[in-house]
Amino acid sequence: MRILVVGGSGFIGTHLVGDLLKSGHQVRIFDKVPSTKYPELCLVGDIRDRQALLSAVQGVELVYHLAAEHRDDVRPVSLYYDVNVGGTENLAAACQAHGVCRLVFTSSVAIYGLNAGQPSETSPPRPFNDYGHSKLQGEKALQTWLEGNPACSLTIVRPTVVFGEGNRGNVYNLVKQITSGRFIMVGDGKNKKSMAYIANISSFLQQVGEEASNGLHVFNYADKPDLSMNQLVGLVRTYLGKDASLPVRIPYLAGLAGGACFDLLGRITGRKFPISSIRVKKFCADTVIPIEALLSYDFHPPVPLAEGFEKFLQHEFGNSRSGVEGE
């Protein structure tokens, strides 16, 4: 199959491209930065450039849309909408122009908002930040495209936080703080987090792209079991040969006030700090994502979550322990 991966130079995209190539597909990448692993497959361009997308989409049968502005500190905030909404509308127009009828879109569980309970794919969206709002609008733009092309296929995948070897996202930053000895738990640590290991989400994206049938298909994606922050931090400390319990904790409101101070300091100095009020809110929120649609689909994650977490720790932080205990 001839496949275009928009945003294919990123973390998830690079793994997905590798899996697709191993399966014999013809793949090319469209991204604003060159691919470090597959430079010969990469067309460098901006998703906000409709003409560039028109050229990239020509001749393909399946499009994966992974490109997004997703960091918490994007400035100006209009970039979320320019890229995540306007860029998605451009991609839909390019698919329409070239008759591409199969599209897989990585959205986000951020559309459900913070402390949303355990939202299913049919739960009402309540995004709390510009990223979540823009991803939801991106979904709606593609659903509008599908309404005009009812014989086509649109698969929307809403992943929770994704981690894995080579990623420098939230999970890596958390583990790095714990290994440095400077980590302080904010709140009681009882809130739970769903996570997704890179090899598993990549395998799922490949499968739904290859098997997609006509119509709209929506999936939350998370690997189970869900871990509380206390359990997650305890696993890391045990892996590193430390006492699993944390000696220092601060109340949630104190942590939130500290984050607000860094917000103000960032606005004054123009610097970006690793601590912010929104990151404190996200850290202390329950983010448990049910996967009913995924469980009813014939997909089997190739790597158990505990094994994936061990691989990640070994790759990024050294083999400090022979194994990680699952929950």
C-alpha atoms as a PDB file:
ATOM      1  CA  MET A   1       0.000   0.000   0.000  1.00  0.00           C
ATOM      2  CA  ARG A   2       1.176   3.547  -0.755  1.00  0.00           C
ATOM      3  CA  ILE A   3       1.121   5.462   2.532  1.00  0.00           C
ATOM      4  CA  LEU A   4       1.830   9.042   3.620  1.00  0.00           C
ATOM      5  CA  VAL A   5       2.677   9.723   7.258  1.00  0.00           C
ATOM      6  CA  VAL A   6       2.127  13.401   8.044  1.00  0.00           C
ATOM      7  CA  GLY A   7       4.262  14.191  11.077  1.00  0.00           C
ATOM      8  CA  GLY A   8       6.338  11.103  10.368  1.00  0.00           C
ATOM      9  CA  SER A   9       9.602  12.596  11.654  1.00  0.00           C
ATOM     10  CA  GLY A  10       8.335  12.672  15.239  1.00  0.00           C
ATOM     11  CA  PHE A  11       8.531  10.055  17.960  1.00  0.00           C
ATOM     12  CA  ILE A  12       5.389   8.078  17.141  1.00  0.00           C
ATOM     13  CA  GLY A  13       5.743   8.716  13.421  1.00  0.00           C
ATOM     14  CA  THR A  14       9.272   7.316  13.227  1.00  0.00           C
ATOM     15  CA  HIS A  15       8.219   4.076  14.917  1.00  0.00           C
ATOM     16  CA  LEU A  16       5.127   3.801  12.739  1.00  0.00           C
ATOM     17  CA  VAL A  17       7.125   4.331   9.541  1.00  0.00           C
ATOM     18  CA  GLY A  18       9.510   1.583  10.600  1.00  0.00           C
ATOM     19  CA  ASP A  19       6.669  -0.843  11.265  1.00  0.00           C
ATOM     20  CA  LEU A  20       5.004  -0.023   7.935  1.00  0.00           C
ATOM     21  CA  LEU A  21       8.249  -0.517   6.012  1.00  0.00           C
ATOM     22  CA  LYS A  22       8.822  -3.889   7.683  1.00  0.00           C
ATOM     23  CA  SER A  23       5.395  -4.943   6.422  1.00  0.00           C
ATOM     24  CA  GLY A  24       6.311  -4.085   2.849  1.00  0.00           C
ATOM     25  CA  HIS A  25       4.373  -0.848   2.402  1.00  0.00           C
ATOM     26  CA  GLN A  26       5.601   2.063   0.266  1.00  0.00           C
ATOM     27  CA  VAL A  27       5.929   4.954   2.705  1.00  0.00           C
ATOM     28  CA  ARG A  28       6.763   8.621   2.480  1.00  0.00           C
ATOM     29  CA  ILE A  29       6.876  11.247   5.207  1.00  0.00           C
ATOM     30  CA  PHE A  30       5.637  14.824   5.236  1.00  0.00           C
ATOM     31  CA  ASP A  31       7.013  16.892   8.130  1.00  0.00           C
ATOM     32  CA  LYS A  32       8.302  20.374   8.870  1.00  0.00           C
ATOM     33  CA  VAL A  33      11.623  18.861   9.985  1.00  0.00           C
ATOM     34  CA  PRO A  34      13.662  16.186   8.188  1.00  0.00           C
ATOM     35  CA  SER A  35      13.446  12.635   9.459  1.00  0.00           C
ATOM     36  CA  THR A  36      16.655  11.660  11.242  1.00  0.00           C
ATOM     37  CA  LYS A  37      16.035   7.934  10.628  1.00  0.00           C
ATOM     38  CA  TYR A  38      14.431   8.021   7.161  1.00  0.00           C
ATOM     39  CA  PRO A  39      15.692  11.192   5.448  1.00  0.00           C
ATOM     40  CA  GLU A  40      15.365   9.626   1.996  1.00  0.00           C
ATOM     41  CA  LEU A  41      11.600   9.208   2.534  1.00  0.00           C
ATOM     42  CA  CYS A  42      10.932  12.700   3.847  1.00  0.00           C
ATOM     43  CA  LEU A  43       9.258  15.628   2.096  1.00  0.00           C
ATOM     44  CA  VAL A  44       9.948  18.710   4.194  1.00  0.00           C
ATOM     45  CA  GLY A  45       6.955  21.019   4.392  1.00  0.00           C
ATOM     46  CA  ASP A  46       4.528  22.755   6.729  1.00  0.00           C
ATOM     47  CA  ILE A  47       1.014  21.393   7.185  1.00  0.00           C
ATOM     48  CA  ARG A  48      -0.213  24.987   7.053  1.00  0.00           C
ATOM     49  CA  ASP A  49       0.918  25.096   3.413  1.00  0.00           C
ATOM     50  CA  ARG A  50      -2.023  23.679   1.436  1.00  0.00           C
ATOM     51  CA  GLN A  51      -0.112  23.529  -1.851  1.00  0.00           C
ATOM     52  CA  ALA A  52       2.705  21.532  -0.279  1.00  0.00           C
ATOM     53  CA  LEU A  53       0.176  19.069   1.109  1.00  0.00           C
ATOM     54  CA  LEU A  54      -1.543  18.746  -2.259  1.00  0.00           C
ATOM     55  CA  SER A  55       1.734  17.619  -3.764  1.00  0.00           C
ATOM     56  CA  ALA A  56       2.544  15.251  -0.884  1.00  0.00           C
ATOM     57  CA  VAL A  57      -0.836  13.493  -0.898  1.00  0.00           C
ATOM     58  CA  GLN A  58      -0.876  12.772  -4.613  1.00  0.00           C
ATOM     59  CA  GLY A  59      -0.770   9.067  -5.447  1.00  0.00           C
ATOM     60  CA  VAL A  60      -1.221   7.655  -1.925  1.00  0.00           C
ATOM     61  CA  GLU A  61      -3.928   5.290  -0.689  1.00  0.00           C
ATOM     62  CA  LEU A  62      -3.737   5.853   3.068  1.00  0.00           C
ATOM     63  CA  VAL A  63      -2.821   8.930   5.110  1.00  0.00           C
ATOM     64  CA  TYR A  64      -1.770   8.953   8.762  1.00  0.00           C
ATOM     65  CA  HIS A  65      -2.167  12.393  10.330  1.00  0.00           C
ATOM     66  CA  LEU A  66       0.177  12.680  13.324  1.00  0.00           C
ATOM     67  CA  ALA A  67       1.341  16.303  12.985  1.00  0.00           C
ATOM     68  CA  ALA A  68       0.408  18.635  15.859  1.00  0.00           C
ATOM     69  CA  GLU A  69       1.464  21.459  18.117  1.00  0.00           C
ATOM     70  CA  HIS A  70       1.244  19.733  21.476  1.00  0.00           C
ATOM     71  CA  ARG A  71       3.611  21.210  24.074  1.00  0.00           C
ATOM     72  CA  ASP A  72       2.049  22.920  27.101  1.00  0.00           C
ATOM     73  CA  ASP A  73       3.969  26.158  26.529  1.00  0.00           C
ATOM     74  CA  VAL A  74       3.371  26.906  22.834  1.00  0.00           C
ATOM     75  CA  ARG A  75       3.390  30.650  22.129  1.00  0.00           C
ATOM     76  CA  PRO A  76       1.475  32.287  20.619  1.00  0.00           C
ATOM     77  CA  VAL A  77      -1.488  30.055  21.477  1.00  0.00           C
ATOM     78  CA  SER A  78      -2.880  30.729  18.002  1.00  0.00           C
ATOM     79  CA  LEU A  79      -0.335  28.167  16.744  1.00  0.00           C
ATOM     80  CA  TYR A  80      -2.452  25.383  18.238  1.00  0.00           C
ATOM     81  CA  TYR A  81      -5.320  26.407  15.976  1.00  0.00           C
ATOM     82  CA  ASP A  82      -3.214  27.294  12.931  1.00  0.00           C
ATOM     83  CA  VAL A  83      -1.609  23.830  12.940  1.00  0.00           C
ATOM     84  CA  ASN A  84      -4.069  21.492  14.646  1.00  0.00           C
ATOM     85  CA  VAL A  85      -7.183  22.932  13.014  1.00  0.00           C
ATOM     86  CA  GLY A  86      -6.079  24.843   9.914  1.00  0.00           C
ATOM     87  CA  GLY A  87      -3.470  22.239   9.023  1.00  0.00           C
ATOM     88  CA  THR A  88      -5.998  19.443   9.422  1.00  0.00           C
ATOM     89  CA  GLU A  89      -8.457  21.288   7.187  1.00  0.00           C
ATOM     90  CA  ASN A  90      -5.685  21.590   4.601  1.00  0.00           C
ATOM     91  CA  LEU A  91      -5.035  17.868   4.780  1.00  0.00           C
ATOM     92  CA  ALA A  92      -8.725  17.069   4.374  1.00  0.00           C
ATOM     93  CA  ALA A  93      -8.822  19.318   1.297  1.00  0.00           C
ATOM     94  CA  ALA A  94      -5.768  17.555  -0.150  1.00  0.00           C
ATOM     95  CA  CYS A  95      -7.355  14.139   0.397  1.00  0.00           C
ATOM     96  CA  GLN A  96     -10.541  15.402  -1.233  1.00  0.00           C
ATOM     97  CA  ALA A  97      -8.634  16.744  -4.226  1.00  0.00           C
ATOM     98  CA  HIS A  98      -6.772  13.477  -4.853  1.00  0.00           C
ATOM     99  CA  GLY A  99      -9.531  11.041  -3.926  1.00  0.00           C
ATOM    100  CA  VAL A 100      -7.703   9.612  -0.907  1.00  0.00           C
ATOM    101  CA  CYS A 101     -10.367   7.693   0.981  1.00  0.00           C
ATOM    102  CA  ARG A 102      -8.592   6.218   3.990  1.00  0.00           C
ATOM    103  CA  LEU A 103      -7.341   8.429   6.838  1.00  0.00           C
ATOM    104  CA  VAL A 104      -6.093   7.713  10.375  1.00  0.00           C
ATOM    105  CA  PHE A 105      -5.885  10.662  12.778  1.00  0.00           C
ATOM    106  CA  THR A 106      -4.104  10.704  16.137  1.00  0.00           C
ATOM    107  CA  SER A 107      -6.155  12.987  18.322  1.00  0.00           C
ATOM    108  CA  SER A 108      -5.745  13.066  22.121  1.00  0.00           C
ATOM    109  CA  VAL A 109      -7.479  12.203  25.380  1.00  0.00           C
ATOM    110  CA  ALA A 110      -6.993  15.920  26.158  1.00  0.00           C
ATOM    111  CA  ILE A 111     -10.371  16.480  24.493  1.00  0.00           C
ATOM    112  CA  TYR A 112     -12.026  14.988  27.602  1.00  0.00           C
ATOM    113  CA  GLY A 113     -10.484  17.515  29.995  1.00  0.00           C
ATOM    114  CA  LEU A 114      -8.939  17.084  33.453  1.00  0.00           C
ATOM    115  CA  ASN A 115     -10.496  14.823  36.105  1.00  0.00           C
ATOM    116  CA  ALA A 116     -13.104  13.702  33.573  1.00  0.00           C
ATOM    117  CA  GLY A 117     -13.820  10.453  35.388  1.00  0.00           C
ATOM    118  CA  GLN A 118     -13.303   7.529  33.038  1.00  0.00           C
ATOM    119  CA  PRO A 119     -14.390   8.890  29.672  1.00  0.00           C
ATOM    120  CA  SER A 120     -15.382   6.482  26.930  1.00  0.00           C
ATOM    121  CA  GLU A 121     -15.266   7.295  23.236  1.00  0.00           C
ATOM    122  CA  THR A 122     -18.871   8.547  23.482  1.00  0.00           C
ATOM    123  CA  SER A 123     -18.342  10.793  26.525  1.00  0.00           C
ATOM    124  CA  PRO A 124     -18.986  14.501  25.961  1.00  0.00           C
ATOM    125  CA  PRO A 125     -15.717  16.349  25.283  1.00  0.00           C
ATOM    126  CA  ARG A 126     -14.724  19.044  27.794  1.00  0.00           C
ATOM    127  CA  PRO A 127     -11.223  20.214  26.838  1.00  0.00           C
ATOM    128  CA  PHE A 128      -9.604  22.515  29.385  1.00  0.00           C
ATOM    129  CA  ASN A 129      -6.760  24.002  27.333  1.00  0.00           C
ATOM    130  CA  ASP A 130      -6.030  25.260  23.831  1.00  0.00           C
ATOM    131  CA  TYR A 131      -4.360  22.010  22.825  1.00  0.00           C
ATOM    132  CA  GLY A 132      -7.449  19.987  23.717  1.00  0.00           C
ATOM    133  CA  HIS A 133      -9.793  22.489  22.060  1.00  0.00           C
ATOM    134  CA  SER A 134      -7.730  22.504  18.870  1.00  0.00           C
ATOM    135  CA  LYS A 135      -7.526  18.702  18.666  1.00  0.00           C
ATOM    136  CA  LEU A 136     -11.291  18.466  19.090  1.00  0.00           C
ATOM    137  CA  GLN A 137     -11.797  20.989  16.300  1.00  0.00           C
ATOM    138  CA  GLY A 138      -9.402  18.933  14.172  1.00  0.00           C
ATOM    139  CA  GLU A 139     -11.572  15.867  14.745  1.00  0.00           C
ATOM    140  CA  LYS A 140     -14.654  17.816  13.686  1.00  0.00           C
ATOM    141  CA  ALA A 141     -12.928  19.042  10.527  1.00  0.00           C
ATOM    142  CA  LEU A 142     -12.187  15.464   9.487  1.00  0.00           C
ATOM    143  CA  GLN A 143     -15.690  14.306  10.361  1.00  0.00           C
ATOM    144  CA  THR A 144     -17.002  17.035   8.056  1.00  0.00           C
ATOM    145  CA  TRP A 145     -14.749  15.612   5.323  1.00  0.00           C
ATOM    146  CA  LEU A 146     -16.162  12.119   5.987  1.00  0.00           C
ATOM    147  CA  GLU A 147     -19.756  13.377   5.835  1.00  0.00           C
ATOM    148  CA  GLY A 148     -19.040  14.567   2.308  1.00  0.00           C
ATOM    149  CA  ASN A 149     -17.385  11.238   1.461  1.00  0.00           C
ATOM    150  CA  PRO A 150     -19.499   8.560   3.175  1.00  0.00           C
ATOM    151  CA  ALA A 151     -17.804   5.716   1.310  1.00  0.00           C
ATOM    152  CA  CYS A 152     -14.472   6.661   2.888  1.00  0.00           C
ATOM    153  CA  SER A 153     -12.880   5.595   6.187  1.00  0.00           C
ATOM    154  CA  LEU A 154     -11.846   7.840   9.085  1.00  0.00           C
ATOM    155  CA  THR A 155     -10.217   6.309  12.160  1.00  0.00           C
ATOM    156  CA  ILE A 156      -9.659   8.624  15.134  1.00  0.00           C
ATOM    157  CA  VAL A 157      -7.263   7.333  17.795  1.00  0.00           C
ATOM    158  CA  ARG A 158      -7.107   9.202  21.109  1.00  0.00           C
ATOM    159  CA  PRO A 159      -3.914   8.106  22.870  1.00  0.00           C
ATOM    160  CA  THR A 160      -3.062   8.804  26.460  1.00  0.00           C
ATOM    161  CA  VAL A 161       0.535   9.802  27.317  1.00  0.00           C
ATOM    162  CA  VAL A 162       2.964   7.834  25.139  1.00  0.00           C
ATOM    163  CA  PHE A 163       6.426   6.827  26.361  1.00  0.00           C
ATOM    164  CA  GLY A 164       9.297   4.740  25.112  1.00  0.00           C
ATOM    165  CA  GLU A 165      12.956   4.584  24.229  1.00  0.00           C
ATOM    166  CA  GLY A 166      14.201   7.852  22.754  1.00  0.00           C
ATOM    167  CA  ASN A 167      11.228   9.943  23.880  1.00  0.00           C
ATOM    168  CA  ARG A 168      11.843  13.084  25.929  1.00  0.00           C
ATOM    169  CA  GLY A 169       8.263  13.706  26.983  1.00  0.00           C
ATOM    170  CA  ASN A 170       6.433  13.775  30.303  1.00  0.00           C
ATOM    171  CA  VAL A 171       7.299  10.251  31.451  1.00  0.00           C
ATOM    172  CA  TYR A 172      11.003  10.746  30.721  1.00  0.00           C
ATOM    173  CA  ASN A 173      11.017  14.081  32.560  1.00  0.00           C
ATOM    174  CA  LEU A 174       9.308  12.517  35.563  1.00  0.00           C
ATOM    175  CA  VAL A 175      11.804   9.644  35.759  1.00  0.00           C
ATOM    176  CA  LYS A 176      14.697  12.053  35.272  1.00  0.00           C
ATOM    177  CA  GLN A 177      13.529  14.120  38.243  1.00  0.00           C
ATOM    178  CA  ILE A 178      13.238  11.001  40.395  1.00  0.00           C
ATOM    179  CA  THR A 179      16.741   9.811  39.454  1.00  0.00           C
ATOM    180  CA  SER A 180      18.168  13.254  40.232  1.00  0.00           C
ATOM    181  CA  GLY A 181      16.911  13.074  43.813  1.00  0.00           C
ATOM    182  CA  ARG A 182      15.134  16.420  43.434  1.00  0.00           C
ATOM    183  CA  PHE A 183      11.647  15.011  42.888  1.00  0.00           C
ATOM    184  CA  ILE A 184       8.894  16.162  45.237  1.00  0.00           C
ATOM    185  CA  MET A 185       5.462  14.565  45.122  1.00  0.00           C
ATOM    186  CA  VAL A 186       2.672  17.108  44.761  1.00  0.00           C
ATOM    187  CA  GLY A 187      -0.613  15.889  46.273  1.00  0.00           C
ATOM    188  CA  ASP A 188      -1.348  12.494  47.807  1.00  0.00           C
ATOM    189  CA  GLY A 189      -0.177  10.505  44.771  1.00  0.00           C
ATOM    190  CA  LYS A 190      -3.353   8.416  44.652  1.00  0.00           C
ATOM    191  CA  ASN A 191      -4.406   9.751  41.255  1.00  0.00           C
ATOM    192  CA  LYS A 192      -3.995   7.206  38.462  1.00  0.00           C
ATOM    193  CA  LYS A 193      -2.454   7.593  35.022  1.00  0.00           C
ATOM    194  CA  SER A 194      -3.078   5.604  31.877  1.00  0.00           C
ATOM    195  CA  MET A 195       0.006   5.240  29.663  1.00  0.00           C
ATOM    196  CA  ALA A 196       0.840   3.834  26.243  1.00  0.00           C
ATOM    197  CA  TYR A 197       4.103   2.161  25.218  1.00  0.00           C
ATOM    198  CA  ILE A 198       5.423   3.253  21.839  1.00  0.00           C
ATOM    199  CA  ALA A 199       5.705  -0.222  20.271  1.00  0.00           C
ATOM    200  CA  ASN A 200       2.077  -0.928  21.139  1.00  0.00           C
ATOM    201  CA  ILE A 201       0.507   2.299  19.883  1.00  0.00           C
ATOM    202  CA  SER A 202       2.535   2.044  16.674  1.00  0.00           C
ATOM    203  CA  SER A 203       1.367  -1.540  16.130  1.00  0.00           C
ATOM    204  CA  PHE A 204      -2.240  -0.505  16.712  1.00  0.00           C
ATOM    205  CA  LEU A 205      -2.041   2.420  14.299  1.00  0.00           C
ATOM    206  CA  GLN A 206      -0.644   0.126  11.627  1.00  0.00           C
ATOM    207  CA  GLN A 207      -3.393  -2.429  12.143  1.00  0.00           C
ATOM    208  CA  VAL A 208      -6.313   0.020  12.048  1.00  0.00           C
ATOM    209  CA  GLY A 209      -4.887   1.626   8.917  1.00  0.00           C
ATOM    210  CA  GLU A 210      -4.538  -1.682   7.118  1.00  0.00           C
ATOM    211  CA  GLU A 211      -7.943  -3.010   8.195  1.00  0.00           C
ATOM    212  CA  ALA A 212     -10.059   0.158   8.092  1.00  0.00           C
ATOM    213  CA  SER A 213     -13.601  -0.222   6.793  1.00  0.00           C
ATOM    214  CA  ASN A 214     -15.901   2.553   5.595  1.00  0.00           C
ATOM    215  CA  GLY A 215     -17.260   5.048   8.091  1.00  0.00           C
ATOM    216  CA  LEU A 216     -16.096   6.567  11.373  1.00  0.00           C
ATOM    217  CA  HIS A 217     -14.139   4.545  13.941  1.00  0.00           C
ATOM    218  CA  VAL A 218     -13.051   6.085  17.267  1.00  0.00           C
ATOM    219  CA  PHE A 219     -10.682   4.469  19.776  1.00  0.00           C
ATOM    220  CA  ASN A 220      -9.180   5.529  23.067  1.00  0.00           C
ATOM    221  CA  TYR A 221      -5.719   4.030  23.372  1.00  0.00           C
ATOM    222  CA  ALA A 222      -3.966   3.037  26.612  1.00  0.00           C
ATOM    223  CA  ASP A 223      -2.033   0.024  27.808  1.00  0.00           C
ATOM    224  CA  LYS A 224      -3.255  -1.553  31.028  1.00  0.00           C
ATOM    225  CA  PRO A 225      -3.043  -1.750  34.022  1.00  0.00           C
ATOM    226  CA  ASP A 226      -3.335   1.872  35.128  1.00  0.00           C
ATOM    227  CA  LEU A 227      -0.849   2.937  37.802  1.00  0.00           C
ATOM    228  CA  SER A 228      -1.258   5.522  40.544  1.00  0.00           C
ATOM    229  CA  MET A 229       1.453   8.165  40.831  1.00  0.00           C
ATOM    230  CA  ASN A 230       2.575   6.490  44.064  1.00  0.00           C
ATOM    231  CA  GLN A 231       2.914   3.157  42.246  1.00  0.00           C
ATOM    232  CA  LEU A 232       4.665   4.691  39.256  1.00  0.00           C
ATOM    233  CA  VAL A 233       7.180   6.599  41.362  1.00  0.00           C
ATOM    234  CA  GLY A 234       7.676   3.541  43.575  1.00  0.00           C
ATOM    235  CA  LEU A 235       8.477   1.376  40.537  1.00  0.00           C
ATOM    236  CA  VAL A 236      11.134   3.803  39.382  1.00  0.00           C
ATOM    237  CA  ARG A 237      12.723   4.183  42.819  1.00  0.00           C
ATOM    238  CA  THR A 238      12.756   0.414  43.315  1.00  0.00           C
ATOM    239  CA  TYR A 239      14.316  -0.055  39.875  1.00  0.00           C
ATOM    240  CA  LEU A 240      17.043   2.379  40.903  1.00  0.00           C
ATOM    241  CA  GLY A 241      17.657   0.472  44.132  1.00  0.00           C
ATOM    242  CA  LYS A 242      16.029   3.104  46.349  1.00  0.00           C
ATOM    243  CA  ASP A 243      13.318   2.923  48.991  1.00  0.00           C
ATOM    244  CA  ALA A 244       9.992   2.935  47.161  1.00  0.00           C
ATOM    245  CA  SER A 245       8.456   5.475  49.563  1.00  0.00           C
ATOM    246  CA  LEU A 246       8.959   9.217  49.110  1.00  0.00           C
ATOM    247  CA  PRO A 247      10.229  11.281  52.046  1.00  0.00           C
ATOM    248  CA  VAL A 248       8.964  14.659  50.757  1.00  0.00           C
ATOM    249  CA  ARG A 249       5.442  15.637  49.669  1.00  0.00           C
ATOM    250  CA  ILE A 250       3.713  18.972  49.370  1.00  0.00           C
ATOM    251  CA  PRO A 251      -0.042  19.726  49.283  1.00  0.00           C
ATOM    252  CA  TYR A 252      -1.701  20.242  45.922  1.00  0.00           C
ATOM    253  CA  LEU A 253      -2.617  23.890  46.563  1.00  0.00           C
ATOM    254  CA  ALA A 254       0.980  24.713  47.524  1.00  0.00           C
ATOM    255  CA  GLY A 255       2.224  23.071  44.330  1.00  0.00           C
ATOM    256  CA  LEU A 256      -0.346  24.948  42.266  1.00  0.00           C
ATOM    257  CA  ALA A 257       0.724  28.251  43.816  1.00  0.00           C
ATOM    258  CA  GLY A 258       4.347  27.450  43.006  1.00  0.00           C
ATOM    259  CA  GLY A 259       3.414  26.685  39.411  1.00  0.00           C
ATOM    260  CA  ALA A 260       1.596  30.020  39.140  1.00  0.00           C
ATOM    261  CA  CYS A 261       4.746  31.783  40.340  1.00  0.00           C
ATOM    262  CA  PHE A 262       6.759  30.157  37.566  1.00  0.00           C
ATOM    263  CA  ASP A 263       4.021  31.153  35.073  1.00  0.00           C
ATOM    264  CA  LEU A 264       4.432  34.777  36.108  1.00  0.00           C
ATOM    265  CA  LEU A 265       8.215  34.566  36.043  1.00  0.00           C
ATOM    266  CA  GLY A 266       8.074  33.066  32.556  1.00  0.00           C
ATOM    267  CA  ARG A 267       5.877  35.907  31.274  1.00  0.00           C
ATOM    268  CA  ILE A 268       8.240  38.471  32.757  1.00  0.00           C
ATOM    269  CA  THR A 269      11.503  36.919  31.552  1.00  0.00           C
ATOM    270  CA  GLY A 270      10.327  35.167  28.391  1.00  0.00           C
ATOM    271  CA  ARG A 271      11.916  31.933  29.619  1.00  0.00           C
ATOM    272  CA  LYS A 272      10.279  28.485  29.689  1.00  0.00           C
ATOM    273  CA  PHE A 273      10.389  26.630  33.002  1.00  0.00           C
ATOM    274  CA  PRO A 274       9.794  22.909  33.666  1.00  0.00           C
ATOM    275  CA  ILE A 275       7.215  23.796  36.343  1.00  0.00           C
ATOM    276  CA  SER A 276       3.939  25.537  35.522  1.00  0.00           C
ATOM    277  CA  SER A 277       0.423  25.624  36.916  1.00  0.00           C
ATOM    278  CA  ILE A 278      -0.950  23.585  34.025  1.00  0.00           C
ATOM    279  CA  ARG A 279       1.706  20.900  34.525  1.00  0.00           C
ATOM    280  CA  VAL A 280       0.890  20.716  38.236  1.00  0.00           C
ATOM    281  CA  LYS A 281      -2.804  20.324  37.372  1.00  0.00           C
ATOM    282  CA  LYS A 282      -2.043  17.583  34.855  1.00  0.00           C
ATOM    283  CA  PHE A 283       0.339  15.804  37.254  1.00  0.00           C
ATOM    284  CA  CYS A 284      -2.277  15.669  40.025  1.00  0.00           C
ATOM    285  CA  ALA A 285      -5.253  14.829  37.811  1.00  0.00           C
ATOM    286  CA  ASP A 286      -6.729  11.378  37.371  1.00  0.00           C
ATOM    287  CA  THR A 287      -6.215  10.332  33.759  1.00  0.00           C
ATOM    288  CA  VAL A 288      -7.754   6.888  33.562  1.00  0.00           C
ATOM    289  CA  ILE A 289      -8.839   6.048  30.045  1.00  0.00           C
ATOM    290  CA  PRO A 290     -11.216   3.128  29.446  1.00  0.00           C
ATOM    291  CA  ILE A 291     -10.580   1.159  26.261  1.00  0.00           C
ATOM    292  CA  GLU A 292     -13.890  -0.573  25.549  1.00  0.00           C
ATOM    293  CA  ALA A 293     -13.672  -0.024  21.787  1.00  0.00           C
ATOM    294  CA  LEU A 294     -10.080  -1.269  21.767  1.00  0.00           C
ATOM    295  CA  LEU A 295     -10.988  -4.379  23.759  1.00  0.00           C
ATOM    296  CA  SER A 296     -13.746  -5.220  21.291  1.00  0.00           C
ATOM    297  CA  TYR A 297     -11.262  -4.913  18.425  1.00  0.00           C
ATOM    298  CA  ASP A 298      -9.000  -7.823  17.540  1.00  0.00           C
ATOM    299  CA  PHE A 299      -5.765  -6.190  18.698  1.00  0.00           C
ATOM    300  CA  HIS A 300      -3.160  -7.697  21.008  1.00  0.00           C
ATOM    301  CA  PRO A 301      -0.410  -5.340  22.268  1.00  0.00           C
ATOM    302  CA  PRO A 302       2.941  -6.951  21.464  1.00  0.00           C
ATOM    303  CA  VAL A 303       4.630  -5.732  24.670  1.00  0.00           C
ATOM    304  CA  PRO A 304       3.147  -5.892  28.206  1.00  0.00           C
ATOM    305  CA  LEU A 305       3.161  -2.480  29.909  1.00  0.00           C
ATOM    306  CA  ALA A 306       5.557  -3.512  32.688  1.00  0.00           C
ATOM    307  CA  GLU A 307       7.996  -4.947  30.134  1.00  0.00           C
ATOM    308  CA  GLY A 308       7.785  -1.789  28.048  1.00  0.00           C
ATOM    309  CA  PHE A 309       8.480   0.342  31.108  1.00  0.00           C
ATOM    310  CA  GLU A 310      11.513  -1.795  31.943  1.00  0.00           C
ATOM    311  CA  LYS A 311      12.842  -1.469  28.385  1.00  0.00           C
ATOM    312  CA  PHE A 312      12.387   2.295  28.621  1.00  0.00           C
ATOM    313  CA  LEU A 313      14.204   2.522  31.963  1.00  0.00           C
ATOM    314  CA  GLN A 314      17.075   0.344  30.785  1.00  0.00           C
ATOM    315  CA  HIS A 315      17.533   2.317  27.578  1.00  0.00           C
ATOM    316  CA  GLU A 316      17.354   5.773  29.137  1.00  0.00           C
ATOM    317  CA  PHE A 317      18.703   5.299  32.651  1.00  0.00           C
ATOM    318  CA  GLY A 318      20.873   2.181  32.627  1.00  0.00           C
ATOM    319  CA  ASN A 319      20.339  -1.339  33.867  1.00  0.00           C
ATOM    320  CA  SER A 320      20.137  -0.453  37.554  1.00  0.00           C
ATOM    321  CA  ARG A 321      17.979  -3.460  38.310  1.00  0.00           C
ATOM    322  CA  SER A 322      17.242  -6.784  36.637  1.00  0.00           C
ATOM    323  CA  GLY A 323      13.527  -6.207  36.308  1.00  0.00           C
ATOM    324  CA  VAL A 324      10.504  -4.059  37.075  1.00  0.00           C
ATOM    325  CA  GLU A 325       7.657  -5.567  39.027  1.00  0.00           C
ATOM    326  CA  GLY A 326       4.249  -5.245  37.409  1.00  0.00           C
ATOM    327  CA  GLU A 327       1.120  -4.433  39.380  1.00  0.00           C
END
